[in-house]
């Protein structure tokens, strides 16, 4: 008996063999299949037991089946992925151990494939070893249909092939660009491009359309090197860059950016099949079209055009060409560069070359115009702007302009001309000629501290400020002679020589002393620099009161402050006295009419009492009573005496000071000595002084004064302060400063006339600083003025702005305010608690008070009583109605009187 071990449940089959045969051949078994065998002997009596089972396997043979469920898909344009089911030894069809699989494929139809080296009879075979059930067929033709079969094989032979399946590889981008591509100029803002189909066999798919990428060239026709700058924008997308090849491209409306900012440079060569340059725009055409027009381009600009065919997988390689729009007039002129402040009357003018974007054509000529717009710091009206026009042939790029005006701002504009005509002028470029020449000539007189010479170098207040003003107003002619210098001539010895230099058209003449309201001196422009405080008056030392020249004003202010303080003191004392008199402890006082109890009446009475007591130095028409009031009155009377004495002394001091000051400080009808040719002489004449002698320096002035030939010595205050050591004399005393209205300044002439306004503004802005310089000189000369320390201390005791008086005003003001607040509180408490303080109210007031209170209490009682009566009546009416309603049934029990009473 035997059975197939691969079949469940077991299916035993029998084969009979007659004795004595001991072997048998079984020919119906399956290939490469395991069988089990067992043997039993059989006699006439029946079959005996079977032997022990043993197994064996048939040998391999040729496979009878092919792999089932072969499935293929196109993985790409050059690959196909295939898969199949695993084959088992079922019913002997495999007939052995599967060693591998063979895949057969060939081109289905070469006429459709557009392949030059195609052969339909050529079959390619790929072997796959077990246990793989997947295989990728590679190196196939793009977009081509293939026939595919598969079989399996064992160690003996190969089985049958599977049925053919037909599948095509995927599309790819075209292998070649369109042919016969040409570009043409259409207008100033458009170009056209035409083409033929891509070569046969290179489309690799169905052509769906064409795309033309175009990009404006920065500097005209293409060069050997191309630079592209990739900058970040808000939208970010990662890009991989390798050898200037990029894995994406931009269309017109896309806005992408690289991960970072970088610049790439490479030699121009054919673009990779899938790499496109950024910063390009694209225009598309249908597959049926063979040309397009690209519009909205920049006037007369060269463009790089790249045309490519497209399949569903994208555009293929491009055909590159260059084209330009038609010429137009330039949109602007070239950029102008000028050496500003190059010279007093000259300028060097240069201009750049126009870019292709701005020129929009071939530049033939340049037109340069210039005109003045500002002269000597004043803007010019358009009618005063004379325009000069110059033409230059290309490629001229510079010119030197001569005969310009000094200290004038010019506007320069440029324009270019092409075959289409002249273009638009550029925006004005402004440049200024030098304000001043290299050197100015100046003459001066040695008159310190205003101007002088020391160790061969000019010094003084005016020298410094004039130099500063010149540097500011002239500035630095940076590309020319640099800063302007002042050449100081030899010093003049007198004012007459200085005046003569004015008429020689000297640039600067200084120092000139005149009235500060003057703007001209000797018909020449004059600018005042340092205003003099006045003329210092000196005399020989005599007995005098140490008073300052503003004593009268201080006296008036002193009296005013003193009167104000006295008023505060008196008001505070009056309020305090009223509080003392009206205090509740004074029960039996007899002056209630003089000092009423209410604050509104009593405070006024207290103030009147205080003023009477202080000014009359005693009692007035009302008096204080009681011990406390009389004790308080004693110091008030003493204060009145002190105030009266102080007022009388103050008035007397003011009158005395005024008389002394008028006599000692005045130069009215006095003989005066002054400096030679000085402005002080004019000031003395204005004050009705008599100029009896003049001197050349301070030593001569002192000698003349000491000789007693004159009564006064008058000299400029700043000059006197500066020469304090020379004028120091124990017998000479300072009498004060008389206002002169004088100023020290500078006269302009020659080439410096145009600087007058600038100097005037500069000195006006520097006025505070100049005053500080003068103040420093005067403050350093305090020893020449009368020692007024004791007088200052005495005046500080009663001067309105002194610290002592300010402190006193604050204290007295606080006392007065405190007394006023206490009075108000007392008034409120008086009306609120009038019952408690009834003993301080007069009989008449009490009667009126009680009568009013009684009336109010009676009125309230009457109102309350009426309300109670009304409530009782309402309550009784309700109860009566209730009894009538609920007790009628008990009427028979009532007597007739009760019935009548309750009205039943």
Foldseek 3Di string as FASTA:
>chain_A
DKFFPVDPPTDDDDDDDDPPDDDDDDDPDAAFTKMKDWDWDADPVGIDDIDDIDMDTHHADEAADFFPDWDWDAPAQFKIKIFTDFDDCDPRRGRADWFWKKKKKFFDDPVVQLDPPHDRPDIDIDIGGPPDGMDMDGRHHGFTKMWMWMWIGDPPGTYDIDHIDIDTHYADAFAFFFAPWDKAADAQFKIKIFGHGGDGNRRSADFFWKKKKKAFDFFADDDQKDKDKFADDPAEDEWDADPNFTQDEDEDPDDYGYPHIDMDMDGDDFHDFRGDDYPIYMDIGGPVDGMDMDGRHQGFTKMKMWMFIGHPHGTTGTDIDIDTYAAAAFAEFFDKDKLFQQAQFKIKIFTDDDGCRGRSADWFKKKKKKWWQAALRRGDDPVRTDIDIDMGTPPDTIDMDGRHHGFTKMWMWMWTAHPNGIYHIHGTDIGHHFNDHQEAEEEEADAPQQWHDDPRHIHHDVVVLVVVLQCVLRPASPNYNGGHYYDYDDYDHDVVVLVVVVVVQHFKGDFDKDFQVDQDDPNFGWAFFFWFQFKWKKAFDDDADQDAPCLLVQLVQLVVLLVVLVLLVLLLQLLVLLCVQLPLVPQDDDPCVLQPNALVPRSVSSSVQSVCCLQVLHGDPDAGDDPVNVVSSVVSSVNSVVSVVVVVVSVVVSVVNVVRLCPQQAQAQWEEEEAPPDLVVVQCVVSNHHDPYYDHDLLVQQVVNVVVPTGMYIYGLLSCLQPVVSNDDPRMATSHGDHDSMGTIMTGGHSNRSCSVSSNVSSVVCVVVSVVVSVVSNVVNVVRHDDCVVVVVVSLCRRNPHPNSVVSVVVSVVSSVVSVVVSVVSNVCCVVPVVVSVSNDDPVVVVVVVVVVVVVVVVVVVVVVVVVVVVVVVVVVVVLVVCVVPCPVVVVVDDPVVCVVSVD
